Protein backbone atom coordinates (compact mmCIF):
# COMPACT_ATOMS: atom_id res chain seq x y z
CA MET A 1 -40.18 53.61 62.64
CA THR A 2 -38.48 53.46 59.25
CA VAL A 3 -35.63 50.36 59.20
CA GLN A 4 -32.57 51.45 57.21
CA ARG A 5 -32.30 48.86 54.28
CA GLY A 6 -29.49 46.13 55.11
CA ARG A 7 -29.53 46.69 58.89
CA PRO A 8 -31.63 43.51 59.34
CA ARG A 9 -29.13 41.43 57.31
CA LEU A 10 -26.46 42.94 59.30
CA LEU A 11 -27.55 42.14 62.65
CA PHE A 12 -28.68 38.51 61.53
CA ALA A 13 -25.08 37.96 59.99
CA ARG A 14 -23.76 39.41 63.04
CA ASN A 15 -25.69 37.38 65.18
CA PHE A 16 -24.95 33.93 63.38
CA PHE A 17 -21.00 34.57 63.71
CA ALA A 18 -21.75 34.90 67.18
CA ASN A 19 -23.52 32.13 67.63
CA PRO A 20 -23.88 29.88 64.35
CA ARG A 21 -25.74 27.12 66.23
CA GLY A 22 -28.67 29.69 67.71
CA VAL A 23 -28.95 31.36 64.76
CA GLY A 24 -28.36 28.46 62.05
CA SER A 25 -27.94 30.61 58.87
CA VAL A 26 -25.93 33.34 57.57
CA ILE A 27 -28.86 34.97 55.76
CA PRO A 28 -32.66 35.31 56.56
CA SER A 29 -35.15 33.33 54.68
CA SER A 30 -35.71 33.89 51.02
CA ARG A 31 -39.10 35.29 49.64
CA ARG A 32 -39.60 32.01 47.81
CA LEU A 33 -39.28 29.57 51.24
CA THR A 34 -41.29 31.91 53.35
CA GLN A 35 -43.95 31.43 50.36
CA ARG A 36 -43.66 27.94 50.43
CA MET A 37 -44.06 27.75 54.37
CA MET A 38 -46.87 30.16 54.14
CA ALA A 39 -48.81 27.79 51.51
CA ALA A 40 -49.17 25.13 54.30
CA VAL A 41 -51.36 27.20 56.64
CA ASP A 42 -55.00 28.10 56.02
CA TRP A 43 -55.30 31.78 56.50
CA THR A 44 -59.31 31.70 56.51
CA THR A 45 -59.77 29.68 59.83
CA ALA A 46 -56.03 30.47 61.44
CA ARG A 47 -56.82 32.94 64.56
CA THR A 48 -53.92 31.74 66.97
CA ILE A 49 -50.35 31.35 65.55
CA VAL A 50 -46.92 30.85 67.41
CA GLU A 51 -43.85 31.08 65.63
CA TYR A 52 -40.31 29.98 66.85
CA GLY A 53 -36.91 31.78 65.82
CA PRO A 54 -38.37 35.06 64.19
CA GLY A 55 -35.03 36.41 63.94
CA THR A 56 -35.19 39.84 62.24
CA GLY A 57 -38.67 39.06 61.03
CA VAL A 58 -38.92 38.14 57.65
CA VAL A 59 -41.37 35.20 58.16
CA THR A 60 -43.12 37.04 61.16
CA ARG A 61 -43.92 40.03 58.25
CA ALA A 62 -45.50 36.87 55.66
CA VAL A 63 -47.12 35.93 58.35
CA LEU A 64 -48.69 39.28 59.99
CA ALA A 65 -49.61 39.94 55.93
CA ARG A 66 -51.50 36.85 55.80
CA MET A 67 -53.29 37.14 58.99
CA ALA A 68 -56.98 38.08 59.81
CA PRO A 69 -57.46 41.62 61.54
CA GLU A 70 -58.74 39.43 64.77
CA ALA A 71 -55.98 36.87 64.54
CA ARG A 72 -52.92 36.60 67.39
CA LEU A 73 -49.30 35.85 66.92
CA PHE A 74 -46.87 34.96 69.64
CA ALA A 75 -43.50 35.00 68.06
CA PHE A 76 -40.92 33.04 70.52
CA GLU A 77 -36.98 34.33 70.07
CA THR A 78 -34.38 33.65 72.93
CA ASN A 79 -32.06 36.06 71.29
CA SER A 80 -32.31 39.24 73.47
CA GLU A 81 -31.03 41.87 70.22
CA PHE A 82 -33.56 39.94 67.81
CA VAL A 83 -36.41 40.07 70.36
CA ALA A 84 -35.45 44.00 70.78
CA TYR A 85 -35.29 44.59 67.13
CA LEU A 86 -38.81 43.01 66.29
CA GLN A 87 -40.46 45.08 68.85
CA ARG A 88 -38.57 48.18 67.69
CA SER A 89 -39.61 47.36 64.09
CA ILE A 90 -42.96 45.90 63.79
CA ALA A 91 -45.40 47.92 65.19
CA ASP A 92 -48.79 45.17 64.85
CA PRO A 93 -50.95 44.95 67.76
CA ARG A 94 -51.50 41.28 66.68
CA LEU A 95 -47.99 40.69 67.48
CA THR A 96 -46.76 39.51 70.59
CA VAL A 97 -43.06 38.67 71.02
CA ILE A 98 -41.99 36.42 73.63
CA ASP A 99 -38.46 36.72 75.07
CA GLY A 100 -38.44 33.17 75.34
CA SER A 101 -37.97 29.16 74.48
CA ALA A 102 -40.74 27.90 71.99
CA GLU A 103 -40.81 25.15 74.67
CA THR A 104 -42.99 27.55 76.65
CA VAL A 105 -45.38 27.69 74.22
CA ALA A 106 -48.37 25.95 76.26
CA ALA A 107 -47.79 28.37 79.29
CA VAL A 108 -47.94 31.35 77.38
CA LEU A 109 -50.91 30.27 75.85
CA ALA A 110 -52.80 29.85 78.86
CA ALA A 111 -51.57 32.75 80.07
CA ALA A 112 -53.09 34.52 77.44
CA GLY A 113 -56.25 32.36 78.26
CA LEU A 114 -55.49 30.22 75.20
CA ALA A 115 -55.39 26.11 75.03
CA SER A 116 -54.61 25.64 71.81
CA CYS A 117 -53.27 27.29 68.26
CA ASP A 118 -53.95 27.12 64.55
CA ALA A 119 -50.82 26.69 63.34
CA ALA A 120 -46.59 27.06 64.45
CA VAL A 121 -44.39 28.21 62.07
CA SER A 122 -40.76 27.67 62.85
CA SER A 123 -37.26 28.73 61.63
CA LEU A 124 -35.34 27.16 64.09
CA PRO A 125 -32.31 25.26 63.37
CA PHE A 126 -34.06 21.78 64.88
CA SER A 127 -30.91 19.76 63.04
CA ILE A 128 -28.18 21.32 65.05
CA MET A 129 -29.95 22.28 68.26
CA PRO A 130 -29.32 20.00 70.99
CA THR A 131 -31.54 17.23 71.06
CA ARG A 132 -33.45 17.16 74.28
CA VAL A 133 -34.45 21.00 73.75
CA ARG A 134 -35.46 19.88 70.08
CA LEU A 135 -37.79 16.90 71.82
CA ARG A 136 -39.26 19.30 74.16
CA ILE A 137 -40.52 21.77 71.65
CA VAL A 138 -41.55 19.41 69.24
CA ALA A 139 -43.86 17.76 71.65
CA ALA A 140 -44.94 21.10 73.25
CA THR A 141 -45.88 21.83 69.73
CA ALA A 142 -48.02 18.63 69.00
CA ALA A 143 -49.46 19.27 72.57
CA VAL A 144 -51.21 22.75 71.96
CA LEU A 145 -51.65 22.21 67.95
CA VAL A 146 -55.50 21.57 67.01
CA PRO A 147 -55.97 18.57 65.43
CA GLY A 148 -55.18 19.06 61.97
CA ALA A 149 -53.22 22.31 62.12
CA PRO A 150 -49.78 22.79 60.49
CA PHE A 151 -46.28 22.51 62.03
CA VAL A 152 -44.29 23.78 59.39
CA GLY A 153 -40.84 25.33 58.87
CA TYR A 154 -37.56 24.45 56.85
CA GLN A 155 -34.06 22.91 57.85
CA TYR A 156 -30.80 22.42 55.53
CA SER A 157 -30.77 18.69 56.90
CA THR A 158 -33.51 16.18 56.78
CA ARG A 159 -31.81 14.08 59.53
CA TRP A 160 -34.07 14.93 62.44
CA VAL A 161 -37.26 14.37 60.59
CA ARG A 162 -37.59 10.87 61.88
CA GLU A 163 -38.03 12.41 65.74
CA LEU A 164 -40.98 15.01 64.20
CA ARG A 165 -42.51 11.25 62.65
CA ARG A 166 -43.13 10.11 66.38
CA ALA A 167 -44.67 13.53 67.27
CA PHE A 168 -47.05 13.99 64.42
CA ASP A 169 -49.17 11.37 62.41
CA HIS A 170 -48.32 13.07 58.96
CA VAL A 171 -45.21 14.89 57.98
CA THR A 172 -44.38 15.97 54.28
CA VAL A 173 -40.92 17.25 53.33
CA ARG A 174 -40.03 19.15 50.28
CA PHE A 175 -37.13 20.36 48.85
CA GLU A 176 -36.81 24.30 48.03
CA PRO A 177 -33.92 25.28 45.92
CA ARG A 178 -34.47 29.06 45.68
CA ASN A 179 -32.90 29.85 48.77
CA TRP A 180 -29.62 30.16 50.01
CA PRO A 181 -28.30 27.45 51.27
CA PRO A 182 -31.44 25.32 49.77
CA ALA A 183 -33.57 24.16 52.12
CA PHE A 184 -36.28 21.44 53.22
CA VAL A 185 -39.67 22.84 54.17
CA PHE A 186 -41.71 20.20 56.44
CA VAL A 187 -45.36 20.34 57.21
CA ALA A 188 -46.29 17.93 59.92
CA ARG A 189 -50.09 17.59 60.96
CA ARG A 190 -51.54 15.33 64.01
CA GLU A 191 -55.02 13.67 63.81
CA GLY A 192 -56.13 14.23 67.23
């Protein structure tokens, strides 16, 4: 299916204005921000990837472009309009769009016969979501990632990084000015 140019941005903006705490930004991630996030993943070995908050699929498409042919991507989205849009606009058998919270990542992987994943990529607005939800997602992610695998994402604030450091052994944060608004890219890994 061909997607009209501008339609994804309008869908994204409309959902931001309807629920700014759920979407987090008025426009999708920039190409530069997406590239910085993708650099944190070893695409030669990643076979099971989870994505949180795919929105209209900017990061999803970047992940799919780098994934191996036999790899699988599970994209967790709680916004029903975004879920429907992703299912209509991305025809890739490696992608499974989950209409649900990233908190359920372990159960979703288990239902697919998987115990773990090789990378987690996030566009969720952790800095502004309820603390209890954020903590459950971080703990669930730490539990399903294989040792050394990255949990990568971005935020517009570094306020919540302390919580991330409690669940992961190594956390790096880098500033990406070529995004609107400028963002902080985090990469978290645990040893085992």
